[in-house]
């Protein structure tokens, strides 16, 4: 059985997966990183993925 990667949705270039990606790959996960800002397509289903990680963006608690 093939290992299914974790889908990582990265909303913006300036908020990459960074250390979280390092930790996940060190734990044995393969990552399929999709960058929304660049227009990377998202799958219709998660059937080909083992997990879903959605990263945050540049927003903050005090932003309108």
C-alpha atoms as a PDB file:
ATOM      1  CA  UNK A   1       0.000   0.000   0.000  1.00  0.00           C
ATOM      2  CA  UNK A   2       1.402   3.385  -1.011  1.00  0.00           C
ATOM      3  CA  UNK A   3       1.761   6.047   1.629  1.00  0.00           C
ATOM      4  CA  UNK A   4      -0.642   8.907   1.013  1.00  0.00           C
ATOM      5  CA  UNK A   5       0.811  12.388   1.603  1.00  0.00           C
ATOM      6  CA  UNK A   6      -0.695  15.017   3.862  1.00  0.00           C
ATOM      7  CA  UNK A   7      -2.257  17.882   1.925  1.00  0.00           C
ATOM      8  CA  UNK A   8      -0.911  21.225   3.156  1.00  0.00           C
ATOM      9  CA  UNK A   9      -2.800  24.332   2.020  1.00  0.00           C
ATOM     10  CA  UNK A  10      -0.578  27.410   2.188  1.00  0.00           C
ATOM     11  CA  UNK A  11      -2.677  30.581   1.698  1.00  0.00           C
ATOM     12  CA  UNK A  12       0.235  32.965   1.122  1.00  0.00           C
ATOM     13  CA  UNK A  13       3.880  32.950   0.030  1.00  0.00           C
ATOM     14  CA  UNK A  14       4.942  34.835   3.155  1.00  0.00           C
ATOM     15  CA  UNK A  15       3.538  32.170   5.502  1.00  0.00           C
ATOM     16  CA  UNK A  16       5.272  28.922   4.470  1.00  0.00           C
ATOM     17  CA  UNK A  17       5.003  25.574   6.227  1.00  0.00           C
ATOM     18  CA  UNK A  18       8.465  26.152   7.785  1.00  0.00           C
ATOM     19  CA  UNK A  19       9.276  24.278  10.991  1.00  0.00           C
ATOM     20  CA  UNK A  20       5.887  22.576  11.044  1.00  0.00           C
ATOM     21  CA  UNK A  21       6.841  20.928   7.747  1.00  0.00           C
ATOM     22  CA  UNK A  22      10.165  19.865   9.219  1.00  0.00           C
ATOM     23  CA  UNK A  23       8.405  18.267  12.203  1.00  0.00           C
ATOM     24  CA  UNK A  24       5.818  16.519  10.042  1.00  0.00           C
ATOM     25  CA  UNK A  25       8.389  15.083   7.650  1.00  0.00           C
ATOM     26  CA  UNK A  26      10.596  14.025  10.581  1.00  0.00           C
ATOM     27  CA  UNK A  27       7.546  12.136  11.891  1.00  0.00           C
ATOM     28  CA  UNK A  28       7.403  10.266   8.585  1.00  0.00           C
ATOM     29  CA  UNK A  29       4.745  12.192   6.652  1.00  0.00           C
ATOM     30  CA  UNK A  30       5.139  13.151   3.026  1.00  0.00           C
ATOM     31  CA  UNK A  31       3.750  16.613   2.250  1.00  0.00           C
ATOM     32  CA  UNK A  32       1.786  17.768  -0.784  1.00  0.00           C
ATOM     33  CA  UNK A  33       1.997  21.560  -0.415  1.00  0.00           C
ATOM     34  CA  UNK A  34      -0.469  23.627  -2.442  1.00  0.00           C
ATOM     35  CA  UNK A  35       0.023  27.399  -2.554  1.00  0.00           C
ATOM     36  CA  UNK A  36      -3.304  29.221  -2.909  1.00  0.00           C
ATOM     37  CA  UNK A  37      -1.660  32.584  -3.646  1.00  0.00           C
ATOM     38  CA  UNK A  38       0.056  31.055  -6.688  1.00  0.00           C
ATOM     39  CA  UNK A  39      -3.184  29.427  -7.828  1.00  0.00           C
ATOM     40  CA  UNK A  40      -2.266  25.809  -7.111  1.00  0.00           C
ATOM     41  CA  UNK A  41      -5.302  23.600  -7.667  1.00  0.00           C
ATOM     42  CA  UNK A  42      -6.903  21.880  -4.704  1.00  0.00           C
ATOM     43  CA  UNK A  43      -8.226  18.339  -5.051  1.00  0.00           C
ATOM     44  CA  UNK A  44     -11.966  17.716  -5.142  1.00  0.00           C
ATOM     45  CA  UNK A  45     -11.629  15.065  -2.433  1.00  0.00           C
ATOM     46  CA  UNK A  46      -9.065  14.012   0.142  1.00  0.00           C
ATOM     47  CA  UNK A  47      -9.116  10.392  -1.057  1.00  0.00           C
ATOM     48  CA  UNK A  48      -5.455  10.581  -2.135  1.00  0.00           C
ATOM     49  CA  UNK A  49      -4.301  12.214   1.125  1.00  0.00           C
ATOM     50  CA  UNK A  50      -3.843  10.955   4.679  1.00  0.00           C
ATOM     51  CA  UNK A  51      -4.368  14.302   6.407  1.00  0.00           C
ATOM     52  CA  UNK A  52      -5.217  17.956   5.839  1.00  0.00           C
ATOM     53  CA  UNK A  53      -3.255  20.906   7.230  1.00  0.00           C
ATOM     54  CA  UNK A  54      -4.449  24.440   6.516  1.00  0.00           C
ATOM     55  CA  UNK A  55      -1.934  27.136   7.384  1.00  0.00           C
ATOM     56  CA  UNK A  56      -2.810  30.628   8.523  1.00  0.00           C
ATOM     57  CA  UNK A  57      -2.038  33.866   6.752  1.00  0.00           C
ATOM     58  CA  UNK A  58      -0.882  37.357   7.469  1.00  0.00           C
ATOM     59  CA  UNK A  59      -4.005  38.312   9.391  1.00  0.00           C
ATOM     60  CA  UNK A  60      -3.937  39.274  13.033  1.00  0.00           C
ATOM     61  CA  UNK A  61      -6.395  39.621  15.890  1.00  0.00           C
ATOM     62  CA  UNK A  62      -6.446  43.424  15.563  1.00  0.00           C
ATOM     63  CA  UNK A  63      -7.022  43.451  11.766  1.00  0.00           C
ATOM     64  CA  UNK A  64     -10.355  44.589  10.349  1.00  0.00           C
END
